[in-house]
């Protein structure tokens, strides 16, 4: 059960990161069309795709204490 909770927290963290990145790339669509080309250029799309690959491990590393803590489990009291 402990492993399932840890894996589900890691998956939840990854999905939340991807959702945040998707919202950030979609926000320029609300701006006037002449600005969209500069904000959504080929370079920014490449950086976005790179962020989709690198951000989830970084966020999981940042929240590793939360991911590793399981409610009701006394193995790691101050994890």
N, C-alpha and C. Protein backbone atom coordinates (compact mmCIF):
# COMPACT_ATOMS: atom_id res chain seq x y z
N UNK A 1 0.82 -1.19 0.00
CA UNK A 1 0.00 0.00 0.00
C UNK A 1 0.87 1.26 0.00
N UNK A 2 1.95 1.23 0.75
CA UNK A 2 2.86 2.37 0.82
C UNK A 2 3.43 2.70 -0.56
N UNK A 3 3.83 1.67 -1.28
CA UNK A 3 4.40 1.88 -2.61
C UNK A 3 3.37 2.49 -3.56
N UNK A 4 2.12 2.04 -3.47
CA UNK A 4 1.06 2.56 -4.33
C UNK A 4 0.82 4.04 -4.05
N UNK A 5 0.88 4.44 -2.79
CA UNK A 5 0.68 5.86 -2.45
C UNK A 5 1.82 6.70 -2.99
N UNK A 6 3.04 6.21 -2.85
CA UNK A 6 4.20 6.96 -3.33
C UNK A 6 4.16 7.10 -4.85
N UNK A 7 3.83 6.01 -5.54
CA UNK A 7 3.76 6.06 -7.01
C UNK A 7 2.63 6.98 -7.45
N UNK A 8 1.49 6.93 -6.78
CA UNK A 8 0.37 7.80 -7.17
C UNK A 8 0.70 9.27 -6.94
N UNK A 9 1.44 9.58 -5.87
CA UNK A 9 1.86 10.97 -5.65
C UNK A 9 2.84 11.44 -6.72
N UNK A 10 3.73 10.56 -7.13
CA UNK A 10 4.68 10.93 -8.20
C UNK A 10 3.95 11.15 -9.52
N UNK A 11 2.98 10.30 -9.81
CA UNK A 11 2.19 10.47 -11.04
C UNK A 11 1.36 11.74 -10.97
N UNK A 12 0.77 12.01 -9.82
CA UNK A 12 0.00 13.24 -9.64
C UNK A 12 0.87 14.48 -9.82
N UNK A 13 2.07 14.44 -9.29
CA UNK A 13 3.00 15.56 -9.43
C UNK A 13 3.38 15.76 -10.90
N UNK A 14 3.62 14.68 -11.61
CA UNK A 14 3.97 14.77 -13.03
C UNK A 14 2.81 15.33 -13.84
N UNK A 15 1.60 14.85 -13.59
CA UNK A 15 0.44 15.35 -14.33
C UNK A 15 0.17 16.83 -14.02
N UNK A 16 0.35 17.23 -12.78
CA UNK A 16 0.16 18.64 -12.43
C UNK A 16 1.20 19.52 -13.12
N UNK A 17 2.42 19.02 -13.22
CA UNK A 17 3.47 19.77 -13.92
C UNK A 17 3.13 19.92 -15.39
N UNK A 18 2.71 18.83 -16.02
CA UNK A 18 2.34 18.89 -17.44
C UNK A 18 1.14 19.80 -17.67
N UNK A 19 0.17 19.77 -16.77
CA UNK A 19 -0.99 20.65 -16.90
C UNK A 19 -0.57 22.11 -16.80
N UNK A 20 0.30 22.42 -15.86
CA UNK A 20 0.79 23.79 -15.71
C UNK A 20 1.54 24.25 -16.96
N UNK A 21 2.39 23.39 -17.49
CA UNK A 21 3.13 23.75 -18.71
C UNK A 21 2.20 23.92 -19.90
N UNK A 22 1.17 23.10 -19.99
CA UNK A 22 0.21 23.22 -21.09
C UNK A 22 -0.58 24.52 -20.98
N UNK A 23 -0.96 24.89 -19.78
CA UNK A 23 -1.66 26.17 -19.61
C UNK A 23 -0.75 27.35 -19.96
N UNK A 24 0.53 27.25 -19.60
CA UNK A 24 1.46 28.33 -19.92
C UNK A 24 1.67 28.49 -21.42
N UNK A 25 1.69 27.39 -22.16
CA UNK A 25 1.87 27.50 -23.62
C UNK A 25 0.57 27.94 -24.30
N UNK A 26 -0.57 27.72 -23.65
CA UNK A 26 -1.85 28.10 -24.24
C UNK A 26 -2.22 29.55 -23.95
N UNK A 27 -1.64 30.16 -22.94
CA UNK A 27 -2.00 31.54 -22.58
C UNK A 27 -1.77 32.57 -23.69
N UNK A 28 -0.71 32.46 -24.49
CA UNK A 28 -0.54 33.47 -25.55
C UNK A 28 -1.67 33.47 -26.58
N UNK A 29 -2.48 32.43 -26.64
CA UNK A 29 -3.60 32.41 -27.58
C UNK A 29 -4.64 33.48 -27.22
N UNK A 30 -4.61 33.97 -26.01
CA UNK A 30 -5.54 35.02 -25.59
C UNK A 30 -5.08 36.40 -26.04
N UNK A 31 -3.84 36.50 -26.49
CA UNK A 31 -3.30 37.79 -26.93
C UNK A 31 -3.65 38.04 -28.40
N UNK A 32 -3.45 39.25 -28.88
CA UNK A 32 -3.71 39.55 -30.29
C UNK A 32 -2.87 38.65 -31.21
N UNK A 33 -3.39 38.32 -32.40
CA UNK A 33 -2.70 37.40 -33.30
C UNK A 33 -1.29 37.84 -33.72
N UNK A 34 -1.04 39.12 -33.81
CA UNK A 34 0.29 39.56 -34.24
C UNK A 34 1.37 39.27 -33.19
N UNK A 35 0.98 39.07 -31.93
CA UNK A 35 1.94 38.75 -30.87
C UNK A 35 2.20 37.25 -30.78
N UNK A 36 1.26 36.46 -31.27
CA UNK A 36 1.38 35.02 -31.11
C UNK A 36 2.65 34.47 -31.77
N UNK A 37 3.00 34.99 -32.93
CA UNK A 37 4.18 34.47 -33.62
C UNK A 37 5.44 34.66 -32.78
N UNK A 38 5.54 35.77 -32.10
CA UNK A 38 6.73 36.04 -31.30
C UNK A 38 6.76 35.23 -30.01
N UNK A 39 5.59 34.97 -29.45
CA UNK A 39 5.53 34.21 -28.20
C UNK A 39 5.55 32.70 -28.44
N UNK A 40 4.97 32.27 -29.55
CA UNK A 40 4.96 30.85 -29.87
C UNK A 40 5.80 30.66 -31.14
N UNK A 41 7.07 30.88 -31.01
CA UNK A 41 7.99 30.70 -32.12
C UNK A 41 8.54 29.28 -32.09
N UNK A 42 9.22 28.85 -33.14
CA UNK A 42 9.81 27.50 -33.11
C UNK A 42 10.77 27.28 -31.95
N UNK A 43 11.50 28.32 -31.56
CA UNK A 43 12.42 28.17 -30.43
C UNK A 43 11.66 27.97 -29.12
N UNK A 44 10.58 28.72 -28.93
CA UNK A 44 9.83 28.57 -27.68
C UNK A 44 9.11 27.22 -27.63
N UNK A 45 8.69 26.71 -28.77
CA UNK A 45 8.06 25.38 -28.79
C UNK A 45 9.11 24.32 -28.46
N UNK A 46 10.31 24.47 -28.96
CA UNK A 46 11.38 23.52 -28.64
C UNK A 46 11.71 23.57 -27.15
N UNK A 47 11.76 24.76 -26.58
CA UNK A 47 12.00 24.89 -25.15
C UNK A 47 10.85 24.29 -24.35
N UNK A 48 9.62 24.45 -24.85
CA UNK A 48 8.45 23.87 -24.19
C UNK A 48 8.56 22.34 -24.18
N UNK A 49 8.92 21.76 -25.30
CA UNK A 49 9.05 20.30 -25.36
C UNK A 49 10.18 19.82 -24.45
N UNK A 50 11.26 20.57 -24.37
CA UNK A 50 12.33 20.23 -23.45
C UNK A 50 11.86 20.32 -22.00
N UNK A 51 11.06 21.33 -21.70
CA UNK A 51 10.52 21.48 -20.35
C UNK A 51 9.56 20.34 -20.01
N UNK A 52 8.81 19.85 -21.00
CA UNK A 52 7.90 18.73 -20.75
C UNK A 52 8.67 17.47 -20.34
N UNK A 53 9.90 17.36 -20.79
CA UNK A 53 10.71 16.19 -20.43
C UNK A 53 11.49 16.40 -19.13
N UNK A 54 11.98 17.60 -18.90
CA UNK A 54 12.87 17.81 -17.76
C UNK A 54 12.16 18.32 -16.50
N UNK A 55 11.04 19.00 -16.65
CA UNK A 55 10.39 19.58 -15.47
C UNK A 55 9.81 18.53 -14.52
N UNK A 56 9.14 17.47 -14.98
CA UNK A 56 8.59 16.52 -14.01
C UNK A 56 9.62 15.88 -13.08
N UNK A 57 10.79 15.44 -13.56
CA UNK A 57 11.77 14.93 -12.59
C UNK A 57 12.26 15.99 -11.61
N UNK A 58 12.41 17.23 -12.08
CA UNK A 58 12.84 18.30 -11.18
C UNK A 58 11.78 18.60 -10.12
N UNK A 59 10.52 18.61 -10.52
CA UNK A 59 9.45 18.88 -9.57
C UNK A 59 9.31 17.72 -8.58
N UNK A 60 9.44 16.49 -9.07
CA UNK A 60 9.39 15.34 -8.16
C UNK A 60 10.55 15.38 -7.18
N UNK A 61 11.72 15.80 -7.64
CA UNK A 61 12.86 15.93 -6.73
C UNK A 61 12.59 17.02 -5.69
N UNK A 62 11.98 18.12 -6.13
CA UNK A 62 11.69 19.23 -5.21
C UNK A 62 10.68 18.82 -4.14
N UNK A 63 9.68 18.02 -4.52
CA UNK A 63 8.63 17.59 -3.60
C UNK A 63 8.87 16.17 -3.08
N UNK A 64 10.12 15.73 -3.05
CA UNK A 64 10.42 14.36 -2.66
C UNK A 64 10.00 14.05 -1.23
N UNK A 65 10.07 15.02 -0.33
CA UNK A 65 9.63 14.77 1.05
C UNK A 65 8.13 14.53 1.11
N UNK A 66 7.36 15.29 0.37
CA UNK A 66 5.91 15.10 0.34
C UNK A 66 5.56 13.78 -0.32
N UNK A 67 6.24 13.44 -1.40
CA UNK A 67 5.96 12.19 -2.11
C UNK A 67 6.25 10.99 -1.23
N UNK A 68 7.31 11.05 -0.48
CA UNK A 68 7.75 9.91 0.31
C UNK A 68 6.94 9.75 1.61
N UNK A 69 6.22 10.78 2.04
CA UNK A 69 5.43 10.73 3.27
C UNK A 69 4.08 10.10 2.99
N UNK A 70 3.74 9.07 3.76
CA UNK A 70 2.46 8.38 3.61
C UNK A 70 1.65 8.64 4.87
N UNK A 71 0.42 9.15 4.73
CA UNK A 71 -0.40 9.40 5.92
C UNK A 71 -0.64 8.10 6.72
N UNK A 72 -0.48 8.18 8.01
CA UNK A 72 -0.72 7.03 8.87
C UNK A 72 0.45 6.08 8.99
N UNK A 73 1.54 6.37 8.31
CA UNK A 73 2.73 5.52 8.36
C UNK A 73 3.77 6.20 9.24
N UNK A 74 4.26 5.52 10.24
CA UNK A 74 5.19 6.11 11.20
C UNK A 74 6.65 5.79 10.89
N UNK A 75 6.93 5.27 9.71
CA UNK A 75 8.32 4.95 9.36
C UNK A 75 9.18 6.20 9.20
N UNK A 76 8.60 7.24 8.61
CA UNK A 76 9.32 8.49 8.37
C UNK A 76 8.59 9.63 9.07
N UNK A 77 8.75 9.79 10.37
CA UNK A 77 7.99 10.83 11.07
C UNK A 77 8.35 12.25 10.62
N UNK A 78 9.60 12.50 10.31
CA UNK A 78 10.02 13.84 9.86
C UNK A 78 10.63 13.77 8.47
N UNK A 79 10.06 12.98 7.60
CA UNK A 79 10.60 12.78 6.27
C UNK A 79 10.73 14.11 5.62
